[in-house]
Amino acid sequence: MASTDDSEATYRVLVPVSDNEASARGQANFVAGLPAASSRVEVLLTHVLHGEELEASRDGRTAQRIGTVVHVRDTLRERGVEARVVEAEEVSRPVEAIVDLADHYAVDLIVLGGGMHGLLEDLLEGHVARSVGRRTDRPVAVVVPVATDEGHGGG
C-alpha cells in the first residue's frame, strides 16, 4: 500500500494499456469497479511504445497521445477515478517496462488486458501477461475485454 495509515490507505494500480480498444474498456471497467476506487485508488496509466509509434516525432512519442490511453483516462475520470499517465523507459520492451514501472512506483496491483481476439494478439498479449506475472512478486490481474455496442471486440 502506498500509505501507512490503513484507514486512509491509497492503493496504487498500474494499468499498461495496449492498442486494443476492447481490452482498454475492460481495464477501465475493472479499475472503476475496485472498492473505493474514487477515493482510495491511485491509477497510473502507461503504454509501451512499439512499431510505428517509435518512428513518430519526439513530441509524438508519448503514452499521453495514444488513443486507448486517453480513452481509459477519460472513462475513469467520468466515473470519479483520477488517473495519470506515466511514461515507460523501456520502449519496445513491454515486459521489462511494465515490471520497472511497477517497481518504481511501488504499485499494489498491475491490471493487464487479456483475451484478445485473433491468434497473433492472443499470443502476444498472453506472452506479456505470463511474463509479467513471472517477473514480479506484485499481484497481476488479467481482465477480459469489453465488446463495443456494434458487437466488435473480444470476448
C-alpha atoms as a PDB file:
ATOM      1  CA  MET A   1       0.000   0.000   0.000  1.00  0.00           C
ATOM      2  CA  ALA A   2       1.158   3.478  -0.746  1.00  0.00           C
ATOM      3  CA  SER A   3       0.122   4.823   2.675  1.00  0.00           C
ATOM      4  CA  THR A   4       0.975   3.508   6.133  1.00  0.00           C
ATOM      5  CA  ASP A   5      -2.343   4.525   7.773  1.00  0.00           C
ATOM      6  CA  ASP A   6      -4.817   1.741   6.837  1.00  0.00           C
ATOM      7  CA  SER A   7      -7.849   3.969   7.427  1.00  0.00           C
ATOM      8  CA  GLU A   8      -6.603   6.310   4.689  1.00  0.00           C
ATOM      9  CA  ALA A   9      -4.607   3.821   2.629  1.00  0.00           C
ATOM     10  CA  THR A  10      -4.165   4.567  -1.039  1.00  0.00           C
ATOM     11  CA  TYR A  11      -3.704   1.665  -3.402  1.00  0.00           C
ATOM     12  CA  ARG A  12      -1.552   2.220  -6.474  1.00  0.00           C
ATOM     13  CA  VAL A  13      -2.675   0.431  -9.589  1.00  0.00           C
ATOM     14  CA  LEU A  14      -0.598   0.275 -12.774  1.00  0.00           C
ATOM     15  CA  VAL A  15      -2.642  -0.115 -15.967  1.00  0.00           C
ATOM     16  CA  PRO A  16      -0.490  -0.788 -19.046  1.00  0.00           C
ATOM     17  CA  VAL A  17      -2.865  -0.122 -21.943  1.00  0.00           C
ATOM     18  CA  SER A  18      -2.399  -1.769 -25.345  1.00  0.00           C
ATOM     19  CA  ASP A  19      -3.738  -0.604 -28.709  1.00  0.00           C
ATOM     20  CA  ASN A  20      -6.799  -2.845 -28.386  1.00  0.00           C
ATOM     21  CA  GLU A  21      -9.919  -0.801 -27.590  1.00  0.00           C
ATOM     22  CA  ALA A  22     -11.956  -3.711 -26.192  1.00  0.00           C
ATOM     23  CA  SER A  23      -9.111  -4.623 -23.868  1.00  0.00           C
ATOM     24  CA  ALA A  24      -8.791  -0.980 -22.743  1.00  0.00           C
ATOM     25  CA  ARG A  25     -12.535  -0.839 -21.980  1.00  0.00           C
ATOM     26  CA  GLY A  26     -12.184  -3.997 -19.889  1.00  0.00           C
ATOM     27  CA  GLN A  27      -9.288  -2.498 -17.948  1.00  0.00           C
ATOM     28  CA  ALA A  28     -11.207   0.756 -17.322  1.00  0.00           C
ATOM     29  CA  ASN A  29     -14.277  -1.139 -16.100  1.00  0.00           C
ATOM     30  CA  PHE A  30     -12.214  -3.346 -13.807  1.00  0.00           C
ATOM     31  CA  VAL A  31     -10.375  -0.441 -12.193  1.00  0.00           C
ATOM     32  CA  ALA A  32     -13.530   1.677 -11.846  1.00  0.00           C
ATOM     33  CA  GLY A  33     -15.159  -1.280 -10.090  1.00  0.00           C
ATOM     34  CA  LEU A  34     -12.465  -1.630  -7.426  1.00  0.00           C
ATOM     35  CA  PRO A  35     -13.706  -0.908  -3.893  1.00  0.00           C
ATOM     36  CA  ALA A  36     -13.379   2.799  -3.048  1.00  0.00           C
ATOM     37  CA  ALA A  37     -11.830   3.430  -6.465  1.00  0.00           C
ATOM     38  CA  SER A  38     -12.809   7.095  -6.479  1.00  0.00           C
ATOM     39  CA  SER A  39     -11.308   7.836  -3.079  1.00  0.00           C
ATOM     40  CA  ARG A  40      -8.538   5.355  -2.315  1.00  0.00           C
ATOM     41  CA  VAL A  41      -7.079   4.193  -5.617  1.00  0.00           C
ATOM     42  CA  GLU A  42      -4.241   5.971  -7.421  1.00  0.00           C
ATOM     43  CA  VAL A  43      -4.235   4.884 -11.063  1.00  0.00           C
ATOM     44  CA  LEU A  44      -1.101   5.035 -13.202  1.00  0.00           C
ATOM     45  CA  LEU A  45      -1.697   4.508 -16.924  1.00  0.00           C
ATOM     46  CA  THR A  46       1.019   3.703 -19.419  1.00  0.00           C
ATOM     47  CA  HIS A  47       1.589   2.394 -22.911  1.00  0.00           C
ATOM     48  CA  VAL A  48       4.838   0.839 -24.070  1.00  0.00           C
ATOM     49  CA  LEU A  49       5.631   2.410 -27.419  1.00  0.00           C
ATOM     50  CA  HIS A  50       6.389  -0.015 -30.229  1.00  0.00           C
ATOM     51  CA  GLY A  51       6.481  -0.377 -34.003  1.00  0.00           C
ATOM     52  CA  GLU A  52       5.471   2.731 -35.944  1.00  0.00           C
ATOM     53  CA  GLU A  53       4.939   4.654 -32.700  1.00  0.00           C
ATOM     54  CA  LEU A  54       8.719   4.715 -32.274  1.00  0.00           C
ATOM     55  CA  GLU A  55       9.083   6.399 -35.660  1.00  0.00           C
ATOM     56  CA  ALA A  56       6.904   9.366 -34.654  1.00  0.00           C
ATOM     57  CA  SER A  57       8.481  12.728 -33.935  1.00  0.00           C
ATOM     58  CA  ARG A  58       9.864  13.128 -30.426  1.00  0.00           C
ATOM     59  CA  ASP A  59       6.777  15.108 -29.369  1.00  0.00           C
ATOM     60  CA  GLY A  60       4.560  12.326 -30.704  1.00  0.00           C
ATOM     61  CA  ARG A  61       6.323   9.569 -28.761  1.00  0.00           C
ATOM     62  CA  THR A  62       4.339   9.727 -25.574  1.00  0.00           C
ATOM     63  CA  ALA A  63       1.750   7.477 -23.952  1.00  0.00           C
ATOM     64  CA  GLN A  64      -0.480  10.525 -23.458  1.00  0.00           C
ATOM     65  CA  ARG A  65      -1.035  10.635 -27.225  1.00  0.00           C
ATOM     66  CA  ILE A  66      -2.236   7.027 -27.550  1.00  0.00           C
ATOM     67  CA  GLY A  67      -5.995   6.854 -28.156  1.00  0.00           C
ATOM     68  CA  THR A  68      -6.664   3.884 -25.891  1.00  0.00           C
ATOM     69  CA  VAL A  69      -4.760   5.510 -23.013  1.00  0.00           C
ATOM     70  CA  VAL A  70      -6.779   8.707 -23.420  1.00  0.00           C
ATOM     71  CA  HIS A  71      -9.992   6.644 -23.530  1.00  0.00           C
ATOM     72  CA  VAL A  72      -9.176   4.784 -20.296  1.00  0.00           C
ATOM     73  CA  ARG A  73      -8.159   8.020 -18.538  1.00  0.00           C
ATOM     74  CA  ASP A  74     -11.336   9.811 -19.634  1.00  0.00           C
ATOM     75  CA  THR A  75     -13.569   6.837 -18.762  1.00  0.00           C
ATOM     76  CA  LEU A  76     -12.078   6.618 -15.287  1.00  0.00           C
ATOM     77  CA  ARG A  77     -12.426  10.370 -14.728  1.00  0.00           C
ATOM     78  CA  GLU A  78     -16.092  10.206 -15.783  1.00  0.00           C
ATOM     79  CA  ARG A  79     -16.537   7.585 -13.051  1.00  0.00           C
ATOM     80  CA  GLY A  80     -14.808   9.743 -10.446  1.00  0.00           C
ATOM     81  CA  VAL A  81     -11.456   7.931 -10.531  1.00  0.00           C
ATOM     82  CA  GLU A  82      -8.390  10.082 -11.089  1.00  0.00           C
ATOM     83  CA  ALA A  83      -5.695   8.653 -13.311  1.00  0.00           C
ATOM     84  CA  ARG A  84      -2.399   9.977 -14.568  1.00  0.00           C
ATOM     85  CA  VAL A  85      -0.195   8.845 -17.408  1.00  0.00           C
ATOM     86  CA  VAL A  86       3.374   7.744 -16.738  1.00  0.00           C
ATOM     87  CA  GLU A  87       5.948   7.119 -19.426  1.00  0.00           C
ATOM     88  CA  ALA A  88       7.791   3.822 -19.777  1.00  0.00           C
ATOM     89  CA  GLU A  89      11.565   3.966 -20.160  1.00  0.00           C
ATOM     90  CA  GLU A  90      11.995   0.598 -21.901  1.00  0.00           C
ATOM     91  CA  VAL A  91      10.269   1.388 -25.181  1.00  0.00           C
ATOM     92  CA  SER A  92       9.562  -1.634 -27.377  1.00  0.00           C
ATOM     93  CA  ARG A  93      10.190  -3.979 -24.421  1.00  0.00           C
ATOM     94  CA  PRO A  94       6.775  -4.230 -22.743  1.00  0.00           C
ATOM     95  CA  VAL A  95       7.542  -6.809 -20.063  1.00  0.00           C
ATOM     96  CA  GLU A  96      10.616  -5.010 -18.754  1.00  0.00           C
ATOM     97  CA  ALA A  97       8.894  -1.618 -18.950  1.00  0.00           C
ATOM     98  CA  ILE A  98       5.838  -2.814 -17.011  1.00  0.00           C
ATOM     99  CA  VAL A  99       7.876  -4.512 -14.282  1.00  0.00           C
ATOM    100  CA  ASP A 100      10.210  -1.496 -13.987  1.00  0.00           C
ATOM    101  CA  LEU A 101       7.268   0.915 -13.638  1.00  0.00           C
ATOM    102  CA  ALA A 102       5.573  -1.337 -11.096  1.00  0.00           C
ATOM    103  CA  ASP A 103       8.745  -1.380  -9.007  1.00  0.00           C
ATOM    104  CA  HIS A 104       9.488   2.322  -9.433  1.00  0.00           C
ATOM    105  CA  TYR A 105       6.020   3.370  -8.280  1.00  0.00           C
ATOM    106  CA  ALA A 106       5.663   0.525  -5.735  1.00  0.00           C
ATOM    107  CA  VAL A 107       2.268  -0.436  -7.114  1.00  0.00           C
ATOM    108  CA  ASP A 108      -0.092  -2.737  -5.280  1.00  0.00           C
ATOM    109  CA  LEU A 109      -1.644  -4.222  -8.424  1.00  0.00           C
ATOM    110  CA  ILE A 110      -0.925  -4.472 -12.166  1.00  0.00           C
ATOM    111  CA  VAL A 111      -4.028  -4.630 -14.368  1.00  0.00           C
ATOM    112  CA  LEU A 112      -3.361  -6.100 -17.810  1.00  0.00           C
ATOM    113  CA  GLY A 113      -5.789  -6.587 -20.677  1.00  0.00           C
ATOM    114  CA  GLY A 114      -6.295 -10.112 -21.907  1.00  0.00           C
ATOM    115  CA  GLY A 115      -8.481 -12.352 -24.002  1.00  0.00           C
ATOM    116  CA  MET A 116      -7.749 -10.557 -27.241  1.00  0.00           C
ATOM    117  CA  HIS A 117      -9.442 -11.660 -30.428  1.00  0.00           C
ATOM    118  CA  GLY A 118      -7.152 -13.006 -33.096  1.00  0.00           C
ATOM    119  CA  LEU A 119      -4.385 -15.561 -32.810  1.00  0.00           C
ATOM    120  CA  LEU A 120      -1.443 -13.174 -33.064  1.00  0.00           C
ATOM    121  CA  GLU A 121      -2.899 -10.803 -30.454  1.00  0.00           C
ATOM    122  CA  ASP A 122      -3.665 -13.780 -28.181  1.00  0.00           C
ATOM    123  CA  LEU A 123      -0.061 -14.952 -28.439  1.00  0.00           C
ATOM    124  CA  LEU A 124       1.453 -11.501 -27.865  1.00  0.00           C
ATOM    125  CA  GLU A 125      -0.868 -10.391 -25.078  1.00  0.00           C
ATOM    126  CA  GLY A 126      -0.764 -13.781 -23.395  1.00  0.00           C
ATOM    127  CA  HIS A 127       3.029 -13.760 -23.540  1.00  0.00           C
ATOM    128  CA  VAL A 128       3.195 -10.328 -21.929  1.00  0.00           C
ATOM    129  CA  ALA A 129       0.761 -11.259 -19.139  1.00  0.00           C
ATOM    130  CA  ARG A 130       2.557 -14.528 -18.353  1.00  0.00           C
ATOM    131  CA  SER A 131       5.986 -12.905 -18.490  1.00  0.00           C
ATOM    132  CA  VAL A 132       4.975 -10.000 -16.250  1.00  0.00           C
ATOM    133  CA  GLY A 133       3.469 -12.476 -13.789  1.00  0.00           C
ATOM    134  CA  ARG A 134       6.720 -14.442 -13.704  1.00  0.00           C
ATOM    135  CA  ARG A 135       8.982 -11.402 -13.287  1.00  0.00           C
ATOM    136  CA  THR A 136       7.203  -9.630 -10.450  1.00  0.00           C
ATOM    137  CA  ASP A 137       6.019 -10.508  -6.977  1.00  0.00           C
ATOM    138  CA  ARG A 138       3.218  -7.954  -7.289  1.00  0.00           C
ATOM    139  CA  PRO A 139      -0.359  -9.133  -7.911  1.00  0.00           C
ATOM    140  CA  VAL A 140      -1.348  -9.151 -11.587  1.00  0.00           C
ATOM    141  CA  ALA A 141      -4.974  -9.066 -12.762  1.00  0.00           C
ATOM    142  CA  VAL A 142      -5.678 -10.021 -16.373  1.00  0.00           C
ATOM    143  CA  VAL A 143      -9.104  -8.738 -17.358  1.00  0.00           C
ATOM    144  CA  VAL A 144     -11.374  -9.671 -20.228  1.00  0.00           C
ATOM    145  CA  PRO A 145     -12.130  -7.185 -22.988  1.00  0.00           C
ATOM    146  CA  VAL A 146     -15.491  -5.460 -23.295  1.00  0.00           C
ATOM    147  CA  ALA A 147     -17.071  -5.566 -26.727  1.00  0.00           C
ATOM    148  CA  THR A 148     -18.357  -2.392 -28.359  1.00  0.00           C
ATOM    149  CA  ASP A 149     -22.058  -1.724 -28.906  1.00  0.00           C
ATOM    150  CA  GLU A 150     -21.627  -2.890 -32.503  1.00  0.00           C
ATOM    151  CA  GLY A 151     -20.552  -6.318 -31.240  1.00  0.00           C
ATOM    152  CA  HIS A 152     -16.859  -5.906 -32.044  1.00  0.00           C
ATOM    153  CA  GLY A 153     -14.049  -6.671 -29.662  1.00  0.00           C
ATOM    154  CA  GLY A 154     -13.021  -9.766 -27.785  1.00  0.00           C
ATOM    155  CA  GLY A 155     -14.951 -11.980 -25.510  1.00  0.00           C
END
